[in-house]
N, C-alpha and C. Protein backbone atom coordinates (compact mmCIF):
# COMPACT_ATOMS: atom_id res chain seq x y z
N MET A 1 1.92 7.43 -17.14
CA MET A 1 1.48 8.47 -16.18
C MET A 1 2.06 7.70 -15.09
N THR A 2 2.47 8.62 -14.14
CA THR A 2 3.14 8.12 -12.84
C THR A 2 2.49 8.60 -11.77
N SER A 3 2.43 8.06 -10.57
CA SER A 3 1.90 8.42 -9.40
C SER A 3 2.14 7.34 -8.29
N GLY A 4 2.15 8.12 -7.01
CA GLY A 4 2.63 6.85 -5.88
C GLY A 4 2.45 7.84 -4.65
N ALA A 5 2.66 7.23 -3.49
CA ALA A 5 2.27 8.00 -2.36
C ALA A 5 3.53 8.80 -2.14
N PRO A 6 3.26 9.86 -1.57
CA PRO A 6 4.26 10.91 -1.20
C PRO A 6 5.57 10.50 -0.25
N GLY A 7 6.61 10.97 -0.55
CA GLY A 7 7.56 10.76 0.21
C GLY A 7 8.78 9.75 -0.43
N PRO A 8 9.97 9.71 0.45
CA PRO A 8 11.14 8.94 -0.12
C PRO A 8 10.74 7.68 -0.22
N SER A 9 12.04 6.79 -0.85
CA SER A 9 11.63 5.52 -0.62
C SER A 9 12.08 5.36 0.76
N VAL A 10 11.32 4.17 1.23
CA VAL A 10 11.26 3.78 2.92
C VAL A 10 11.31 2.39 3.11
N ALA A 11 11.86 1.53 1.88
CA ALA A 11 12.24 0.05 2.28
C ALA A 11 13.28 0.27 3.42
N PRO A 12 12.82 -0.66 4.38
CA PRO A 12 14.08 -0.82 5.44
C PRO A 12 15.25 -1.46 4.70
N GLU A 13 16.21 -1.15 5.44
CA GLU A 13 17.66 -1.55 4.59
C GLU A 13 17.53 -2.91 5.06
N GLY A 14 18.07 -3.89 4.08
CA GLY A 14 18.04 -5.01 4.19
C GLY A 14 16.97 -5.91 3.88
N SER A 15 15.73 -5.18 3.35
CA SER A 15 14.54 -5.64 3.37
C SER A 15 14.48 -6.31 1.91
N ALA A 16 13.48 -6.94 1.46
CA ALA A 16 13.33 -7.59 0.22
C ALA A 16 12.45 -6.95 -0.71
N ALA A 17 12.32 -5.67 -0.53
CA ALA A 17 11.25 -4.74 -1.23
C ALA A 17 11.71 -4.95 -2.98
N PRO A 18 10.76 -4.83 -3.42
CA PRO A 18 11.19 -5.16 -5.12
C PRO A 18 11.76 -3.72 -5.60
N LYS A 19 12.86 -4.09 -6.42
CA LYS A 19 13.70 -3.12 -6.78
C LYS A 19 12.97 -2.17 -7.95
N PRO A 20 13.52 -0.79 -7.74
CA PRO A 20 12.76 0.20 -8.71
C PRO A 20 12.46 -0.69 -10.20
N GLY A 21 11.47 -0.40 -10.59
CA GLY A 21 11.17 -1.08 -12.31
C GLY A 21 10.59 -2.22 -11.98
N ALA A 22 10.60 -3.13 -11.23
CA ALA A 22 9.99 -4.40 -10.88
C ALA A 22 8.52 -4.53 -11.03
N ARG A 23 7.96 -5.24 -11.89
CA ARG A 23 6.61 -5.39 -12.31
C ARG A 23 5.76 -6.15 -11.27
N LEU A 24 4.86 -5.11 -10.74
CA LEU A 24 4.12 -5.63 -9.52
C LEU A 24 2.71 -6.47 -10.17
N CYS A 25 2.18 -6.00 -10.94
CA CYS A 25 0.63 -6.55 -11.33
C CYS A 25 0.44 -5.38 -12.85
N ALA A 26 -0.57 -5.84 -13.43
CA ALA A 26 -1.31 -5.30 -14.50
C ALA A 26 -2.25 -4.24 -13.75
N LEU A 27 -2.26 -2.70 -14.60
CA LEU A 27 -3.44 -2.16 -13.64
C LEU A 27 -4.61 -2.66 -13.65
N SER A 28 -4.83 -3.58 -14.98
CA SER A 28 -6.31 -4.06 -14.79
C SER A 28 -6.65 -5.09 -13.77
N ASP A 29 -5.44 -5.38 -13.15
CA ASP A 29 -5.55 -6.62 -12.04
C ASP A 29 -6.26 -5.82 -10.98
N LEU A 30 -6.36 -4.72 -10.77
CA LEU A 30 -6.70 -3.98 -9.64
C LEU A 30 -8.04 -3.23 -10.11
N ALA A 31 -8.96 -3.55 -8.96
CA ALA A 31 -10.51 -2.88 -9.47
C ALA A 31 -10.30 -1.25 -9.14
N ASP A 32 -11.24 -0.81 -9.50
CA ASP A 32 -11.37 0.71 -9.27
C ASP A 32 -12.56 1.39 -8.55
N PRO A 33 -12.42 1.53 -7.11
CA PRO A 33 -11.11 1.37 -6.29
C PRO A 33 -10.69 -0.11 -6.01
N GLY A 34 -9.68 -0.31 -5.83
CA GLY A 34 -9.19 -1.63 -5.31
C GLY A 34 -7.69 -1.63 -4.40
N ALA A 35 -7.27 -2.89 -4.05
CA ALA A 35 -5.94 -3.00 -3.47
C ALA A 35 -5.70 -4.45 -3.71
N LYS A 36 -4.08 -4.65 -3.70
CA LYS A 36 -3.51 -5.84 -3.66
C LYS A 36 -2.44 -5.97 -2.82
N GLY A 37 -2.02 -6.80 -2.03
CA GLY A 37 -0.80 -7.03 -1.40
C GLY A 37 0.02 -7.63 -1.91
N PHE A 38 1.57 -7.55 -1.40
CA PHE A 38 2.59 -8.11 -2.09
C PHE A 38 3.59 -8.36 -0.90
N GLU A 39 4.00 -9.72 -0.65
CA GLU A 39 4.91 -10.30 0.02
C GLU A 39 6.00 -10.88 -0.57
N VAL A 40 7.02 -10.28 -0.15
CA VAL A 40 8.42 -10.53 -0.93
C VAL A 40 9.23 -11.07 0.19
N ARG A 41 9.79 -12.39 -0.12
CA ARG A 41 10.99 -12.87 0.89
C ARG A 41 12.40 -13.08 0.16
N ASP A 42 13.28 -12.72 0.75
CA ASP A 42 14.66 -13.03 0.00
C ASP A 42 15.41 -13.58 1.12
N GLY A 43 15.51 -14.98 1.44
CA GLY A 43 16.56 -15.17 2.73
C GLY A 43 15.70 -15.02 3.81
N GLU A 44 16.34 -14.34 4.81
CA GLU A 44 15.82 -13.81 6.05
C GLU A 44 14.92 -12.77 5.73
N ALA A 45 15.32 -11.92 4.81
CA ALA A 45 14.84 -10.46 4.59
C ALA A 45 13.10 -10.61 4.08
N ARG A 46 12.39 -9.71 4.51
CA ARG A 46 10.81 -9.79 4.18
C ARG A 46 10.29 -8.19 4.04
N PHE A 47 9.49 -8.33 2.93
CA PHE A 47 8.91 -7.17 2.55
C PHE A 47 7.28 -7.51 2.06
N SER A 48 6.58 -6.44 2.94
CA SER A 48 4.91 -6.51 2.81
C SER A 48 4.60 -5.13 2.32
N GLY A 49 3.79 -5.31 1.39
CA GLY A 49 3.34 -3.69 0.91
C GLY A 49 2.07 -4.06 0.21
N PHE A 50 1.68 -2.84 -0.23
CA PHE A 50 -0.06 -3.13 -0.83
C PHE A 50 -0.20 -1.77 -1.52
N VAL A 51 -0.74 -2.00 -2.86
CA VAL A 51 -1.00 -1.04 -3.64
C VAL A 51 -2.46 -0.72 -3.79
N VAL A 52 -2.98 0.52 -4.05
CA VAL A 52 -4.37 0.95 -3.96
C VAL A 52 -4.57 1.67 -5.24
N ARG A 53 -5.63 1.44 -5.99
CA ARG A 53 -5.96 2.13 -7.14
C ARG A 53 -7.20 2.78 -7.07
N ARG A 54 -7.02 3.99 -7.51
CA ARG A 54 -8.29 5.09 -7.54
C ARG A 54 -8.11 5.95 -9.12
N GLY A 55 -9.04 5.41 -9.88
CA GLY A 55 -9.03 5.95 -11.31
C GLY A 55 -7.74 5.57 -11.71
N ASP A 56 -6.96 6.41 -12.55
CA ASP A 56 -5.66 6.00 -13.14
C ASP A 56 -4.47 6.40 -11.96
N GLN A 57 -4.71 6.55 -10.63
CA GLN A 57 -3.57 6.63 -9.84
C GLN A 57 -3.55 5.37 -9.10
N VAL A 58 -2.37 5.19 -8.61
CA VAL A 58 -1.82 4.08 -7.67
C VAL A 58 -0.96 4.38 -6.51
N PHE A 59 -1.35 4.31 -5.45
CA PHE A 59 -0.50 4.50 -4.25
C PHE A 59 0.27 3.28 -3.65
N GLY A 60 1.22 3.44 -3.03
CA GLY A 60 1.82 2.26 -2.47
C GLY A 60 2.21 2.66 -0.96
N TYR A 61 1.96 1.52 -0.11
CA TYR A 61 2.30 1.53 1.24
C TYR A 61 2.60 0.57 1.89
N ILE A 62 3.82 0.40 3.04
CA ILE A 62 4.21 -0.51 3.75
C ILE A 62 2.63 -1.13 4.35
N ASP A 63 2.71 -2.42 4.69
CA ASP A 63 1.63 -3.04 5.18
C ASP A 63 1.83 -3.26 6.74
N ARG A 64 1.73 -2.20 7.53
CA ARG A 64 1.94 -2.08 8.73
C ARG A 64 1.36 -1.06 9.41
N CYS A 65 0.45 -1.33 10.31
CA CYS A 65 -0.06 -0.21 10.93
C CYS A 65 0.34 0.69 11.75
N PRO A 66 0.33 2.02 11.69
CA PRO A 66 1.19 2.81 12.59
C PRO A 66 0.70 2.98 13.87
N HIS A 67 -0.02 2.40 14.33
CA HIS A 67 -0.56 2.36 15.61
C HIS A 67 -0.19 1.04 16.47
N ALA A 68 -0.12 -0.14 15.55
CA ALA A 68 -0.03 -1.53 16.45
C ALA A 68 1.15 -2.07 15.70
N GLY A 69 1.50 -1.83 14.43
CA GLY A 69 2.68 -2.40 14.04
C GLY A 69 2.59 -3.70 13.10
N TRP A 70 1.16 -4.23 13.18
CA TRP A 70 0.55 -5.23 12.35
C TRP A 70 0.16 -4.88 11.31
N PRO A 71 -0.09 -6.00 10.17
CA PRO A 71 -0.59 -5.82 8.99
C PRO A 71 -1.92 -5.49 9.02
N LEU A 72 -2.36 -4.75 8.03
CA LEU A 72 -3.76 -3.95 7.87
C LEU A 72 -4.84 -5.06 7.57
N ALA A 73 -4.48 -5.87 6.68
CA ALA A 73 -5.55 -6.96 6.24
C ALA A 73 -5.70 -7.97 6.80
N LEU A 74 -6.64 -8.61 7.52
CA LEU A 74 -6.65 -9.96 7.92
C LEU A 74 -6.82 -10.95 6.98
N GLU A 75 -7.47 -10.60 5.92
CA GLU A 75 -7.89 -11.17 4.67
C GLU A 75 -6.93 -10.89 3.15
N PRO A 76 -6.26 -11.72 2.41
CA PRO A 76 -5.72 -11.39 1.56
C PRO A 76 -6.26 -10.40 0.48
N ASP A 77 -5.49 -9.06 0.39
CA ASP A 77 -6.28 -7.87 -0.32
C ASP A 77 -7.51 -7.28 0.10
N ARG A 78 -7.82 -7.25 1.56
CA ARG A 78 -8.91 -6.64 1.99
C ARG A 78 -8.44 -5.34 2.73
N TYR A 79 -7.96 -4.55 2.00
CA TYR A 79 -7.49 -3.37 2.47
C TYR A 79 -8.41 -1.97 2.53
N LEU A 80 -9.40 -2.24 2.14
CA LEU A 80 -10.30 -1.01 1.66
C LEU A 80 -11.65 -1.29 2.58
N THR A 81 -12.33 -0.13 2.68
CA THR A 81 -13.78 -0.28 3.31
C THR A 81 -14.41 -0.88 2.10
N ARG A 82 -15.95 -1.05 2.71
CA ARG A 82 -16.87 -1.79 1.64
C ARG A 82 -16.97 -0.66 0.50
N ALA A 83 -16.98 0.63 0.74
CA ALA A 83 -17.08 1.62 -0.39
C ALA A 83 -16.09 1.68 -0.99
N GLY A 84 -14.92 1.49 -0.55
CA GLY A 84 -13.80 1.81 -1.23
C GLY A 84 -13.40 3.15 -1.11
N ASP A 85 -13.70 3.64 -0.27
CA ASP A 85 -13.16 5.04 0.04
C ASP A 85 -12.14 5.46 1.05
N TYR A 86 -11.80 4.26 1.72
CA TYR A 86 -10.71 4.71 2.73
C TYR A 86 -9.83 3.18 2.95
N ILE A 87 -8.86 3.19 3.48
CA ILE A 87 -7.93 1.67 3.75
C ILE A 87 -8.19 1.54 5.30
N LEU A 88 -8.61 0.44 5.55
CA LEU A 88 -9.04 0.17 6.83
C LEU A 88 -8.15 -1.08 7.32
N CYS A 89 -7.67 -0.25 8.66
CA CYS A 89 -7.13 -1.45 9.36
C CYS A 89 -7.87 -2.33 10.12
N SER A 90 -8.03 -3.72 9.74
CA SER A 90 -8.91 -4.72 10.01
C SER A 90 -8.65 -5.07 11.78
N GLY A 91 -7.44 -4.57 12.19
CA GLY A 91 -7.21 -4.95 13.75
C GLY A 91 -8.00 -4.18 14.62
N HIS A 92 -8.23 -2.74 14.25
CA HIS A 92 -8.74 -1.82 15.23
C HIS A 92 -9.60 -0.68 14.23
N ALA A 93 -9.93 -0.85 13.28
CA ALA A 93 -10.99 -0.25 12.26
C ALA A 93 -10.39 1.21 12.04
N ALA A 94 -9.12 1.46 11.98
CA ALA A 94 -8.54 2.76 11.84
C ALA A 94 -8.77 2.90 10.25
N LEU A 95 -8.97 4.48 9.85
CA LEU A 95 -9.34 4.78 8.65
C LEU A 95 -8.22 5.53 7.76
N PHE A 96 -7.74 5.34 6.89
CA PHE A 96 -6.55 6.11 6.40
C PHE A 96 -7.13 6.43 4.76
N ARG A 97 -7.00 7.79 4.61
CA ARG A 97 -7.20 8.17 3.09
C ARG A 97 -6.30 7.48 2.30
N LEU A 98 -6.76 7.32 0.95
CA LEU A 98 -6.24 6.63 -0.20
C LEU A 98 -5.10 7.35 -0.48
N GLU A 99 -5.14 8.39 -0.77
CA GLU A 99 -4.05 9.11 -1.47
C GLU A 99 -2.72 9.75 -0.76
N ASP A 100 -2.67 9.59 0.48
CA ASP A 100 -1.85 10.06 1.29
C ASP A 100 -1.46 9.11 2.45
N GLY A 101 -2.32 8.14 2.88
CA GLY A 101 -2.31 7.55 4.21
C GLY A 101 -2.50 8.07 5.56
N VAL A 102 -2.81 9.17 5.46
CA VAL A 102 -3.40 9.78 6.92
C VAL A 102 -4.59 9.47 7.30
N CYS A 103 -3.99 8.77 8.80
CA CYS A 103 -5.42 8.50 9.34
C CYS A 103 -6.32 9.50 9.62
N VAL A 104 -7.74 9.15 9.43
CA VAL A 104 -8.84 10.13 9.73
C VAL A 104 -9.80 9.66 10.83
N GLY A 105 -9.49 8.36 11.40
CA GLY A 105 -10.21 8.00 12.32
C GLY A 105 -9.82 6.99 13.09
N GLY A 106 -9.79 6.62 14.16
CA GLY A 106 -9.21 5.54 15.08
C GLY A 106 -7.99 5.79 16.19
N PRO A 107 -7.83 4.94 16.44
CA PRO A 107 -6.71 5.30 17.74
C PRO A 107 -5.41 6.04 17.20
N CYS A 108 -4.99 5.97 15.78
CA CYS A 108 -3.86 6.70 15.43
C CYS A 108 -4.17 8.12 14.44
N ALA A 109 -5.24 8.37 14.74
CA ALA A 109 -5.72 9.77 14.09
C ALA A 109 -4.50 10.81 13.98
N GLY A 110 -4.34 11.21 12.65
CA GLY A 110 -3.26 12.18 12.21
C GLY A 110 -1.84 11.71 12.06
N ARG A 111 -1.80 10.35 12.25
CA ARG A 111 -0.52 9.76 11.92
C ARG A 111 -0.73 9.22 10.58
N ARG A 112 0.40 8.42 9.84
CA ARG A 112 0.27 7.93 8.53
C ARG A 112 0.84 6.86 8.38
N LEU A 113 0.17 6.12 7.23
CA LEU A 113 1.11 4.82 6.76
C LEU A 113 2.11 5.25 6.07
N THR A 114 3.29 4.33 6.23
CA THR A 114 4.78 4.33 5.44
C THR A 114 4.32 4.43 4.02
N PRO A 115 4.78 5.57 3.23
CA PRO A 115 4.62 5.31 1.75
C PRO A 115 5.65 4.13 1.28
N TRP A 116 5.27 3.57 0.24
CA TRP A 116 6.14 2.86 -0.63
C TRP A 116 6.12 3.12 -2.11
N PRO A 117 6.99 3.75 -2.76
CA PRO A 117 7.14 4.30 -4.07
C PRO A 117 6.46 3.53 -5.24
N VAL A 118 5.60 3.41 -5.64
CA VAL A 118 4.77 2.76 -7.00
C VAL A 118 4.68 3.81 -8.32
N ALA A 119 4.31 3.19 -9.42
CA ALA A 119 4.14 3.98 -10.63
C ALA A 119 3.36 3.24 -11.47
N VAL A 120 2.74 3.63 -12.46
CA VAL A 120 1.85 3.23 -13.48
C VAL A 120 2.74 3.61 -14.84
N ALA A 121 3.23 2.52 -15.66
CA ALA A 121 3.88 2.42 -16.56
C ALA A 121 3.11 1.75 -17.74
N GLY A 122 2.74 2.58 -18.60
CA GLY A 122 1.78 1.77 -19.65
C GLY A 122 0.41 1.34 -18.92
N ASP A 123 0.45 -0.13 -18.93
CA ASP A 123 -0.67 -0.97 -18.25
C ASP A 123 -0.08 -1.46 -17.18
N GLU A 124 1.04 -1.39 -16.57
CA GLU A 124 1.77 -2.17 -15.57
C GLU A 124 1.95 -1.29 -14.23
N VAL A 125 1.82 -1.71 -13.35
CA VAL A 125 1.92 -1.07 -11.91
C VAL A 125 3.46 -1.60 -11.42
N ILE A 126 4.32 -0.85 -11.30
CA ILE A 126 5.89 -1.17 -11.13
C ILE A 126 6.36 -0.38 -9.70
N ALA A 127 7.49 -1.11 -8.95
CA ALA A 127 8.07 -0.27 -7.98
C ALA A 127 8.73 0.79 -8.54
N ALA A 128 8.67 1.80 -7.91
CA ALA A 128 9.23 2.88 -8.34
C ALA A 128 10.77 3.25 -7.34
């Protein structure tokens, strides 16, 4: 099964984004629903992203608020609301849908998170 956030590859040129096919984690490492952040550094280049699981689907996003530009989670891997039904920006409580990253509440309503292509291959979550 393969799934991911819609859209083309968005890793900034010169970033340290994991290469397609790189293992990120086991699917079982993610609660359902759940999320996990990833930070990769390669010299001066840096990449911050996170994956969100709902059932057998996994969606990936760049860890950057479209409103303020800061990381979404203040605590490691704390990307979801308590109920696990939305992605939450800890900085100003904006809410984003899990499946497409569209903001449905907060100062950036209607904008969306930047997708990061990921996939599920067997029982592994990989960069796509």
